[in-house]
Amino acid sequence: MTTPAKPTEAAELRRLAEARVADREAVQGDSQVDQAQLLHELRVHQVELEMQLEAHQETRAALEAVAHRVARLQSITAALGGPMAPAEAADVILSTGLAVTGAQAGIVTRATDNGGWLEILSEVGAANTSLYAASHLPTEVVNGRTRFCTDGQNPLSDVARSRSAVFLQNRSELHAQYPQHASFFETAACRAVVALPLISRGEFIGALRLAFSEERTLDGEDRVFLTAFAQECALALDRAQLREEAIMARQLAERATRMRDEFLSIVAHDLANPMNTIGLSASNLLHLPLQGAEGVAVRKGAALIQKAARRMALLLHDLGDVASIDSGRLKIEHVEGNAETIVADAIEAYAPLCVEKGLSITGTAPELRIPCDRNRVGQVLGNLVANAIKFTPNGGTIAIEAVPLAREVRFSVADSGPGIPEEAREHIFERYWRGKDSDLTVGVGLGLFIAKGIVVSHGGTIWVESTVGRGSTFYFTLPVASANRSAV
């Protein structure tokens, strides 16, 4: 709707008013040219006021129309704002589209195969494409949805090829543009059609078509509104598709992870016995009474085999733990442990490695009862200490500590190593994650993941604090018993 031109000059307004008065006097047969000047002035002034009132009313109507369109767009934006699947977004697009435009039917499609096909996501009413497409267009069903080729001559296909809107306001325009579809339009009682491209981020992602049972006059403002409506729909459909793609990618990743861990669990189980056999055989070789250079060579080789077998056994054990953590079947035996004993055992186990690398290792802990699986807690401490030994340079220090708090005990392993960059800290407890500077020949990135799984299974938490160049401290907490007595 276009606001009519309004007189802006007083003289022009008076001239028009006098002309209208003259017309009225002519119609009324008023031929008294010598009528009193006062009466004439009053009539002219009255008409001036009427014309001003008309102009104000038309301006107000135009502003109200614009405000109404804005309100409708806002309602559409609100309706399409939530998280939805593409089909749900298409349903909302049609329900809002029919409501705000008065259309009797509609269809929403999304582009596939680089725009060569349009997949039907949602449709309402008799004048929809799928009914027609079933007998007139090349169609196929993919993943339960009908789609049609955009090679044909129809409003949606034309939009897909041109990326431009199609406005057909009456029967004559419909029949002139698509004479081959005249019978369909008549059968469906379709008198006007609007087809709009759905474009987001510069890409054609689909098309929307609305059909009307009455002829429509679509002026410039109507077309601007419909174009804005299509843009809102395109953004909503694009968001829905991105969300769907993200969900599918996550599901595929989770499935791949499950399959990998199941495979590794099977491998770990099947290799456990052969690795034990290899380790025992190496141990037997070490005890053979072999003499001379040959005996030295055999024992050296046996020692290497034994060391490799132990490393492999630990890896197989870790792989089994990963599968148990993922399935929620990690075995935890809640028996009584003692914080002092757990820390002392960790120092005893790793002191030889520290001596070999020239590191100092210390530990302090109270004699505090903890209802935990002490072997598993020792495994956590062992993983943390092993990491500290791996990254702390010669001459560095490692300190293990257990501190009683109100309802828990907090363990910590501090080292004087290089520290962990901030961007890496959020990933270090993820499975198979290793820092970019890690030695790829040592470990597979499961130690901290398993440590977290064990701590969480105990009802505790684990975290790290680190300063690059000054070392790192790993903390984890475990709930304590109500009574405080020692246990070994």
Protein backbone atom coordinates (compact mmCIF):
# COMPACT_ATOMS: atom_id res chain seq x y z
CA MET A 1 0.00 0.00 0.00
CA THR A 2 1.36 3.42 -1.07
CA THR A 3 0.70 6.64 0.91
CA PRO A 4 -1.10 9.17 -1.39
CA ALA A 5 0.51 12.49 -2.21
CA LYS A 6 -0.52 15.25 0.19
CA PRO A 7 -0.66 19.00 -0.62
CA THR A 8 2.15 20.79 1.13
CA GLU A 9 1.51 24.42 0.28
CA ALA A 10 -1.39 26.40 1.78
CA ALA A 11 -2.18 28.00 -1.55
CA GLU A 12 -2.38 24.63 -3.27
CA LEU A 13 -4.57 23.26 -0.49
CA ARG A 14 -6.92 26.24 -0.85
CA ARG A 15 -7.06 25.84 -4.61
CA LEU A 16 -8.02 22.20 -4.31
CA ALA A 17 -10.59 22.99 -1.63
CA GLU A 18 -12.17 25.71 -3.78
CA ALA A 19 -12.31 23.32 -6.70
CA ARG A 20 -14.05 20.71 -4.58
CA VAL A 21 -16.54 23.30 -3.30
CA ALA A 22 -17.22 24.40 -6.87
CA ASP A 23 -17.87 20.77 -7.80
CA ARG A 24 -20.28 20.41 -4.90
CA GLU A 25 -22.07 23.61 -5.81
CA ALA A 26 -22.37 22.46 -9.40
CA VAL A 27 -23.82 19.11 -8.35
CA GLN A 28 -26.24 20.77 -5.96
CA GLY A 29 -27.35 23.20 -8.65
CA ASP A 30 -26.12 26.13 -6.67
CA SER A 31 -25.82 28.91 -9.26
CA GLN A 32 -25.84 31.82 -6.90
CA VAL A 33 -22.45 33.27 -7.80
CA ASP A 34 -23.11 36.20 -5.59
CA GLN A 35 -23.41 34.05 -2.47
CA ALA A 36 -22.09 35.72 0.62
CA GLN A 37 -18.32 35.54 0.84
CA LEU A 38 -18.50 34.36 4.46
CA LEU A 39 -20.48 31.26 3.55
CA HIS A 40 -17.99 30.44 0.80
CA GLU A 41 -15.03 30.83 3.15
CA LEU A 42 -16.67 28.57 5.68
CA ARG A 43 -17.23 25.90 3.06
CA VAL A 44 -13.68 26.17 1.81
CA HIS A 45 -12.32 25.90 5.34
CA GLN A 46 -14.52 22.92 6.03
CA VAL A 47 -13.22 21.13 2.98
CA GLU A 48 -9.65 21.99 3.94
CA LEU A 49 -10.21 20.31 7.27
CA GLU A 50 -11.80 17.29 5.59
CA MET A 51 -8.82 16.91 3.26
CA GLN A 52 -6.37 17.19 6.10
CA LEU A 53 -8.33 14.60 8.05
CA GLU A 54 -8.30 12.25 5.06
CA ALA A 55 -4.53 12.64 4.70
CA HIS A 56 -3.99 11.97 8.42
CA GLN A 57 -6.22 8.91 8.31
CA GLU A 58 -4.41 7.51 5.31
CA THR A 59 -1.03 8.13 6.93
CA ARG A 60 -2.20 6.50 10.12
CA ALA A 61 -3.54 3.51 8.21
CA ALA A 62 -0.20 3.17 6.42
CA LEU A 63 1.73 3.32 9.70
CA GLU A 64 -0.61 0.79 11.29
CA ALA A 65 -0.10 -1.53 8.32
CA VAL A 66 3.67 -1.26 8.67
CA ALA A 67 3.45 -1.84 12.44
CA HIS A 68 1.23 -4.87 11.82
CA ARG A 69 3.73 -6.33 9.37
CA VAL A 70 6.58 -5.75 11.82
CA ALA A 71 4.58 -7.41 14.60
CA ARG A 72 3.89 -10.40 12.36
CA LEU A 73 7.57 -10.75 11.51
CA GLN A 74 8.45 -10.55 15.20
CA SER A 75 5.93 -13.29 16.00
CA ILE A 76 7.41 -15.43 13.23
CA THR A 77 10.94 -14.87 14.54
CA ALA A 78 9.83 -15.86 18.05
CA ALA A 79 8.08 -18.98 16.78
CA LEU A 80 11.15 -20.08 14.84
CA GLY A 81 13.70 -19.21 17.51
CA GLY A 82 13.86 -22.45 19.47
CA PRO A 83 15.92 -25.59 18.80
CA MET A 84 14.12 -27.73 16.22
CA ALA A 85 14.72 -30.48 13.71
CA PRO A 86 14.36 -29.46 10.03
CA ALA A 87 10.92 -31.08 9.72
CA GLU A 88 9.73 -29.31 12.89
CA ALA A 89 11.04 -25.99 11.57
CA ALA A 90 9.20 -26.61 8.29
CA ASP A 91 5.95 -27.27 10.17
CA VAL A 92 6.31 -23.99 12.06
CA ILE A 93 7.15 -22.14 8.84
CA LEU A 94 3.94 -23.38 7.23
CA SER A 95 1.71 -22.77 10.25
CA THR A 96 2.98 -19.21 10.63
CA GLY A 97 3.11 -18.61 6.88
CA LEU A 98 -0.50 -19.61 6.29
CA ALA A 99 -1.62 -17.60 9.32
CA VAL A 100 0.07 -14.33 8.36
CA THR A 101 -0.60 -14.46 4.61
CA GLY A 102 -4.03 -16.05 4.42
CA ALA A 103 -2.78 -18.82 2.12
CA GLN A 104 -4.82 -22.00 1.86
CA ALA A 105 -1.91 -24.37 1.18
CA GLY A 106 1.84 -24.46 1.43
CA ILE A 107 4.93 -26.59 1.09
CA VAL A 108 8.49 -26.30 2.43
CA THR A 109 11.35 -28.06 0.67
CA ARG A 110 15.08 -28.26 1.25
CA ALA A 111 17.74 -28.49 -1.41
CA THR A 112 19.74 -31.69 -1.90
CA ASP A 113 22.41 -32.71 -4.39
CA ASN A 114 23.59 -29.11 -4.87
CA GLY A 115 20.06 -27.90 -5.59
CA GLY A 116 19.33 -30.55 -8.21
CA TRP A 117 16.54 -32.03 -6.10
CA LEU A 118 14.08 -30.58 -3.59
CA GLU A 119 13.11 -32.74 -0.63
CA ILE A 120 9.64 -32.20 0.82
CA LEU A 121 9.87 -31.43 4.54
CA SER A 122 6.30 -30.33 5.24
CA GLU A 123 3.10 -29.57 3.32
CA VAL A 124 -0.42 -28.39 4.08
CA GLY A 125 -3.51 -28.22 1.87
CA ALA A 126 -4.62 -29.64 -1.46
CA ALA A 127 -2.63 -27.26 -3.68
CA ASN A 128 0.72 -28.81 -2.82
CA THR A 129 3.50 -30.06 -5.01
CA SER A 130 3.71 -33.67 -3.83
CA LEU A 131 0.24 -34.57 -5.11
CA TYR A 132 1.11 -33.09 -8.46
CA ALA A 133 4.67 -34.38 -8.47
CA ALA A 134 3.52 -37.97 -8.03
CA SER A 135 2.21 -38.05 -11.59
CA HIS A 136 3.96 -35.17 -13.38
CA LEU A 137 7.53 -34.83 -12.04
CA PRO A 138 10.54 -37.15 -11.68
CA THR A 139 10.33 -38.18 -8.04
CA GLU A 140 12.00 -40.61 -5.68
CA VAL A 141 11.85 -41.50 -2.01
CA VAL A 142 15.08 -41.17 0.00
CA ASN A 143 15.19 -41.98 3.72
CA GLY A 144 11.40 -41.97 3.81
CA ARG A 145 11.00 -38.51 2.21
CA THR A 146 9.76 -37.67 -1.26
CA ARG A 147 11.92 -35.45 -3.38
CA PHE A 148 11.57 -34.18 -6.94
CA CYS A 149 13.99 -33.06 -9.61
CA THR A 150 14.29 -29.33 -10.31
CA ASP A 151 14.57 -29.80 -14.07
CA GLY A 152 10.81 -29.41 -14.57
CA GLN A 153 8.71 -26.31 -15.14
CA ASN A 154 6.90 -25.41 -11.92
CA PRO A 155 7.19 -22.59 -9.36
CA LEU A 156 9.50 -24.40 -6.92
CA SER A 157 11.81 -25.75 -9.61
CA ASP A 158 12.04 -22.29 -11.21
CA VAL A 159 12.92 -20.78 -7.83
CA ALA A 160 15.59 -23.45 -7.30
CA ARG A 161 17.21 -22.68 -10.62
CA SER A 162 16.92 -18.86 -10.58
CA ARG A 163 17.20 -18.23 -6.81
CA SER A 164 14.49 -15.59 -7.38
CA ALA A 165 10.92 -15.32 -6.11
CA VAL A 166 7.89 -16.11 -8.27
CA PHE A 167 4.73 -14.00 -7.81
CA LEU A 168 1.61 -15.12 -9.70
CA GLN A 169 -1.34 -12.99 -8.62
CA ASN A 170 -4.28 -14.44 -10.57
CA ARG A 171 -5.54 -17.24 -12.77
CA SER A 172 -4.43 -15.53 -15.95
CA GLU A 173 -0.84 -15.23 -14.75
CA LEU A 174 -0.83 -18.84 -13.54
CA HIS A 175 -2.09 -20.20 -16.83
CA ALA A 176 0.22 -17.98 -18.86
CA GLN A 177 3.32 -18.98 -16.86
CA TYR A 178 2.49 -22.68 -16.51
CA PRO A 179 -0.14 -23.67 -19.11
CA GLN A 180 0.77 -27.35 -18.70
CA HIS A 181 -0.36 -27.20 -15.06
CA ALA A 182 -3.70 -25.43 -15.64
CA SER A 183 -5.78 -28.49 -14.76
CA PHE A 184 -3.88 -28.94 -11.51
CA PHE A 185 -4.44 -25.31 -10.50
CA GLU A 186 -8.17 -25.61 -11.27
CA THR A 187 -8.57 -28.92 -9.44
CA ALA A 188 -6.79 -27.54 -6.39
CA ALA A 189 -8.79 -24.29 -6.47
CA CYS A 190 -5.51 -22.38 -6.71
CA ARG A 191 -5.91 -18.76 -7.86
CA ALA A 192 -2.55 -17.25 -6.86
CA VAL A 193 0.89 -18.61 -6.00
CA VAL A 194 3.96 -17.21 -4.27
CA ALA A 195 7.21 -19.24 -4.42
CA LEU A 196 10.20 -17.96 -2.45
CA PRO A 197 13.84 -19.04 -2.28
CA LEU A 198 15.27 -19.86 1.14
CA ILE A 199 18.82 -18.51 1.19
CA SER A 200 21.11 -18.48 4.22
CA ARG A 201 24.80 -17.62 4.43
CA GLY A 202 24.71 -17.00 0.71
CA GLU A 203 23.62 -20.57 -0.07
CA PHE A 204 20.32 -21.80 -1.51
CA ILE A 205 19.00 -24.26 1.08
CA GLY A 206 15.39 -24.73 -0.03
CA ALA A 207 12.19 -23.18 -1.30
CA LEU A 208 8.78 -22.24 0.11
CA ARG A 209 5.53 -22.10 -1.82
CA LEU A 210 2.20 -20.63 -0.72
CA ALA A 211 -1.05 -21.13 -2.64
CA PHE A 212 -4.14 -18.89 -2.36
CA SER A 213 -7.78 -19.72 -3.10
CA GLU A 214 -8.43 -16.09 -4.12
CA GLU A 215 -6.61 -13.83 -6.52
CA ARG A 216 -4.17 -11.48 -4.81
CA THR A 217 -2.79 -8.06 -5.62
CA LEU A 218 0.76 -8.05 -4.34
CA ASP A 219 2.17 -4.52 -4.25
CA GLY A 220 5.73 -3.57 -3.39
CA GLU A 221 5.17 -3.60 0.35
CA ASP A 222 3.56 -7.05 0.18
CA ARG A 223 6.56 -8.41 -1.71
CA VAL A 224 9.02 -6.85 0.71
CA PHE A 225 7.14 -8.47 3.59
CA LEU A 226 7.10 -11.88 1.91
CA THR A 227 10.82 -11.60 1.14
CA ALA A 228 11.54 -10.76 4.79
CA PHE A 229 9.36 -13.69 5.86
CA ALA A 230 11.34 -16.01 3.58
CA GLN A 231 14.61 -14.77 5.08
CA GLU A 232 13.42 -15.58 8.61
CA CYS A 233 12.35 -19.03 7.42
CA ALA A 234 15.71 -19.62 5.74
CA LEU A 235 17.62 -18.73 8.91
CA ALA A 236 15.42 -21.05 10.99
CA LEU A 237 15.78 -23.94 8.54
CA ASP A 238 19.54 -23.40 8.33
CA ARG A 239 19.85 -23.48 12.13
CA ALA A 240 17.76 -26.65 12.25
CA GLN A 241 19.91 -28.35 9.62
CA LEU A 242 23.15 -27.36 11.35
CA ARG A 243 21.76 -28.71 14.61
CA GLU A 244 20.75 -31.95 12.89
CA GLU A 245 24.20 -32.30 11.33
CA ALA A 246 25.86 -31.68 14.71
CA ILE A 247 23.69 -34.33 16.38
CA MET A 248 24.42 -36.85 13.64
CA ALA A 249 28.16 -36.13 13.80
CA ARG A 250 28.13 -36.58 17.57
CA GLN A 251 26.21 -39.83 17.29
CA LEU A 252 28.62 -41.14 14.67
CA ALA A 253 31.59 -40.15 16.82
CA GLU A 254 30.07 -41.82 19.87
CA ARG A 255 29.31 -44.96 17.88
CA ALA A 256 32.85 -45.04 16.51
CA THR A 257 34.24 -44.60 20.01
CA ARG A 258 32.08 -47.42 21.36
CA MET A 259 33.13 -49.72 18.55
CA ARG A 260 36.79 -48.86 19.07
CA ASP A 261 36.65 -49.39 22.81
CA GLU A 262 34.74 -52.65 22.42
CA PHE A 263 37.38 -53.85 19.98
CA LEU A 264 40.20 -52.79 22.29
CA SER A 265 38.50 -54.48 25.22
CA ILE A 266 38.30 -57.73 23.29
CA VAL A 267 41.90 -57.40 22.19
CA ALA A 268 43.02 -56.65 25.74
CA HIS A 269 41.17 -59.69 27.08
CA ASP A 270 42.47 -62.03 24.39
CA LEU A 271 46.08 -60.85 24.72
CA ALA A 272 46.25 -60.94 28.50
CA ASN A 273 47.07 -64.62 28.82
CA PRO A 274 49.69 -64.69 26.03
CA MET A 275 51.41 -61.68 27.56
CA ASN A 276 51.47 -63.36 30.97
CA THR A 277 53.04 -66.39 29.33
CA ILE A 278 55.70 -64.22 27.67
CA GLY A 279 56.47 -62.50 30.99
CA LEU A 280 56.77 -65.77 32.87
CA SER A 281 58.99 -67.24 30.17
CA ALA A 282 61.28 -64.21 30.33
CA SER A 283 61.43 -64.56 34.10
CA ASN A 284 62.40 -68.21 33.77
CA LEU A 285 65.19 -67.30 31.33
CA LEU A 286 66.57 -64.83 33.86
CA HIS A 287 66.98 -67.66 36.37
CA LEU A 288 68.75 -70.07 34.07
CA PRO A 289 72.36 -70.87 35.16
CA LEU A 290 73.87 -69.66 31.92
CA GLN A 291 77.53 -68.62 31.96
CA GLY A 292 79.83 -66.46 29.89
CA ALA A 293 78.99 -63.97 27.18
CA GLU A 294 76.11 -66.11 25.94
CA GLY A 295 74.51 -66.12 29.38
CA VAL A 296 74.87 -62.35 29.69
CA ALA A 297 73.25 -61.87 26.27
CA VAL A 298 70.36 -64.21 27.12
CA ARG A 299 69.70 -62.52 30.46
CA LYS A 300 69.87 -59.07 28.86
CA GLY A 301 67.40 -60.11 26.20
CA ALA A 302 65.13 -61.76 28.77
CA ALA A 303 65.15 -58.59 30.87
CA LEU A 304 64.10 -56.53 27.86
CA ILE A 305 61.35 -59.01 27.06
CA GLN A 306 60.15 -58.96 30.66
CA LYS A 307 60.12 -55.16 30.73
CA ALA A 308 58.21 -54.95 27.44
CA ALA A 309 55.75 -57.61 28.64
CA ARG A 310 55.04 -55.63 31.80
CA ARG A 311 54.45 -52.47 29.79
CA MET A 312 52.14 -54.36 27.46
CA ALA A 313 50.29 -55.90 30.41
CA LEU A 314 49.75 -52.42 31.88
CA LEU A 315 48.46 -51.14 28.54
CA LEU A 316 46.07 -54.08 28.20
CA HIS A 317 44.87 -53.45 31.73
CA ASP A 318 44.29 -49.77 30.89
CA LEU A 319 42.32 -50.67 27.78
CA GLY A 320 40.11 -52.94 29.85
CA ASP A 321 39.57 -50.13 32.37
CA VAL A 322 38.56 -47.71 29.60
CA ALA A 323 35.86 -50.09 28.38
CA SER A 324 34.63 -50.60 31.96
CA ILE A 325 34.48 -46.85 32.62
CA ASP A 326 32.50 -46.21 29.43
CA SER A 327 30.01 -48.97 30.20
CA GLY A 328 29.68 -47.93 33.86
CA ARG A 329 31.00 -51.30 35.00
CA LEU A 330 34.30 -50.21 36.51
CA LYS A 331 34.88 -52.54 39.44
CA ILE A 332 35.29 -50.63 42.71
CA GLU A 333 35.62 -52.51 46.00
CA HIS A 334 34.73 -50.14 48.83
CA VAL A 335 36.93 -51.43 51.62
CA GLU A 336 38.90 -49.44 54.15
CA GLY A 337 42.15 -47.85 53.09
CA ASN A 338 44.51 -45.55 54.91
CA ALA A 339 45.76 -42.30 53.40
CA GLU A 340 49.20 -42.67 54.96
CA THR A 341 49.61 -46.22 53.65
CA ILE A 342 48.41 -45.36 50.14
CA VAL A 343 50.91 -42.50 49.82
CA ALA A 344 53.75 -44.61 51.27
CA ASP A 345 53.03 -47.41 48.78
CA ALA A 346 53.16 -44.95 45.86
CA ILE A 347 56.54 -43.59 46.99
CA GLU A 348 57.92 -47.08 47.44
CA ALA A 349 56.75 -48.16 43.99
CA TYR A 350 58.11 -45.15 42.09
CA ALA A 351 61.24 -44.26 44.10
CA PRO A 352 63.50 -46.44 41.89
CA LEU A 353 62.33 -44.64 38.74
CA CYS A 354 62.90 -41.28 40.41
CA VAL A 355 66.42 -42.28 41.44
CA GLU A 356 67.12 -43.48 37.91
CA LYS A 357 66.07 -40.06 36.51
CA GLY A 358 67.67 -38.00 39.29
CA LEU A 359 64.39 -36.79 40.82
CA SER A 360 63.52 -36.22 44.47
CA ILE A 361 60.17 -37.70 45.63
CA THR A 362 58.58 -37.01 49.03
CA GLY A 363 55.23 -37.67 50.64
CA THR A 364 53.18 -36.63 53.65
CA ALA A 365 49.80 -37.98 54.73
CA PRO A 366 47.80 -38.42 57.95
CA GLU A 367 46.74 -41.77 59.34
CA LEU A 368 43.19 -41.33 58.08
CA ARG A 369 40.64 -44.00 57.28
CA ILE A 370 39.11 -43.81 53.80
CA PRO A 371 36.24 -46.05 52.60
CA CYS A 372 37.73 -46.76 49.18
CA ASP A 373 39.24 -49.32 46.87
CA ARG A 374 42.82 -48.75 47.98
CA ASN A 375 44.23 -50.57 44.95
CA ARG A 376 42.28 -48.28 42.63
CA VAL A 377 43.27 -45.17 44.57
CA GLY A 378 46.86 -46.37 44.41
CA GLN A 379 46.36 -46.70 40.64
CA VAL A 380 45.27 -43.06 40.48
CA LEU A 381 48.30 -41.89 42.46
CA GLY A 382 50.52 -44.12 40.34
CA ASN A 383 49.22 -42.61 37.09
CA LEU A 384 49.77 -39.08 38.41
CA VAL A 385 53.26 -39.83 39.70
CA ALA A 386 54.20 -41.60 36.45
CA ASN A 387 53.12 -38.50 34.51
CA ALA A 388 55.16 -36.28 36.81
CA ILE A 389 58.25 -38.46 36.34
CA LYS A 390 57.78 -38.42 32.57
CA PHE A 391 57.69 -34.62 32.26
CA THR A 392 59.90 -33.44 35.12
CA PRO A 393 63.52 -32.82 34.06
CA ASN A 394 66.52 -34.29 35.87
CA GLY A 395 67.10 -32.73 39.28
CA GLY A 396 63.41 -31.88 39.70
CA THR A 397 61.09 -32.66 42.59
CA ILE A 398 57.83 -34.55 43.05
CA ALA A 399 55.74 -34.19 46.21
CA ILE A 400 52.74 -36.34 47.17
CA GLU A 401 50.43 -35.07 49.89
CA ALA A 402 47.13 -36.02 51.52
CA VAL A 403 45.25 -33.34 53.48
CA PRO A 404 42.10 -34.01 55.54
CA LEU A 405 39.22 -31.60 54.94
CA ALA A 406 35.75 -31.40 56.45
CA ARG A 407 34.17 -34.39 54.74
CA GLU A 408 36.88 -35.56 52.37
CA VAL A 409 40.58 -36.05 51.96
CA ARG A 410 42.44 -34.20 49.25
CA PHE A 411 45.37 -35.90 47.56
CA SER A 412 47.85 -33.99 45.42
CA VAL A 413 50.88 -34.71 43.25
CA ALA A 414 53.06 -31.66 42.58
CA ASP A 415 56.03 -31.53 40.22
CA SER A 416 58.61 -28.95 39.16
CA GLY A 417 58.17 -29.72 35.49
CA PRO A 418 57.46 -27.36 32.56
CA GLY A 419 53.80 -26.83 33.42
CA ILE A 420 50.72 -27.27 31.21
CA PRO A 421 49.53 -24.52 28.82
CA GLU A 422 46.07 -23.19 29.59
CA GLU A 423 44.61 -24.36 26.28
CA ALA A 424 45.67 -27.92 27.05
CA ARG A 425 44.28 -28.18 30.57
CA GLU A 426 40.68 -28.67 29.48
CA HIS A 427 41.68 -31.71 27.42
CA ILE A 428 44.14 -33.58 29.61
CA PHE A 429 41.51 -35.85 31.18
CA GLU A 430 40.15 -36.90 27.77
CA ARG A 431 40.90 -40.37 26.50
CA TYR A 432 43.79 -40.79 24.05
CA TRP A 433 44.75 -37.13 24.47
CA ARG A 434 48.40 -36.21 24.60
CA GLY A 435 50.05 -32.82 24.45
CA LYS A 436 51.59 -31.76 21.17
CA ASP A 437 55.08 -32.07 22.67
CA SER A 438 54.48 -35.52 24.14
CA ASP A 439 56.72 -38.41 23.27
CA LEU A 440 54.52 -40.46 20.92
CA THR A 441 56.48 -43.60 21.76
CA VAL A 442 55.45 -43.48 25.44
CA GLY A 443 51.86 -44.15 26.48
CA VAL A 444 48.63 -43.72 24.57
CA GLY A 445 46.96 -41.02 26.65
CA LEU A 446 44.78 -43.17 28.91
CA GLY A 447 46.30 -42.62 32.37
CA LEU A 448 44.52 -39.40 33.28
CA PHE A 449 41.25 -40.54 31.70
CA ILE A 450 41.31 -43.68 33.82
CA ALA A 451 42.32 -41.69 36.92
CA LYS A 452 39.29 -39.45 36.46
CA GLY A 453 37.01 -42.46 35.98
CA ILE A 454 38.24 -44.06 39.20
CA VAL A 455 37.92 -40.83 41.22
CA VAL A 456 34.43 -40.13 39.92
CA SER A 457 33.39 -43.71 40.71
CA HIS A 458 34.42 -43.02 44.30
CA GLY A 459 32.29 -39.87 44.40
CA GLY A 460 35.26 -37.52 44.26
CA THR A 461 36.59 -34.87 41.88
CA ILE A 462 39.90 -34.40 40.08
CA TRP A 463 41.53 -31.30 38.60
CA VAL A 464 44.85 -29.67 37.80
CA GLU A 465 46.49 -26.34 38.58
CA SER A 466 49.55 -25.36 36.59
CA THR A 467 51.83 -22.46 35.72
CA VAL A 468 53.93 -22.73 32.60
CA GLY A 469 57.59 -22.86 33.59
CA ARG A 470 56.85 -23.54 37.27
CA GLY A 471 55.27 -26.97 37.36
CA SER A 472 51.86 -28.58 37.84
CA THR A 473 49.82 -29.94 40.73
CA PHE A 474 47.11 -32.56 40.23
CA TYR A 475 44.45 -32.79 42.93
CA PHE A 476 41.72 -35.30 43.64
CA THR A 477 39.34 -35.71 46.55
CA LEU A 478 37.73 -38.76 48.15
CA PRO A 479 34.94 -38.85 50.76
CA VAL A 480 36.06 -39.93 54.26
CA ALA A 481 34.34 -42.10 56.84
CA SER A 482 32.48 -40.52 59.76
CA ALA A 483 34.74 -42.14 62.30
CA ASN A 484 38.46 -41.42 62.08
CA ARG A 485 40.48 -44.51 62.83
CA SER A 486 43.42 -46.10 61.09
CA ALA A 487 43.22 -49.04 58.72
CA VAL A 488 45.91 -50.86 56.82
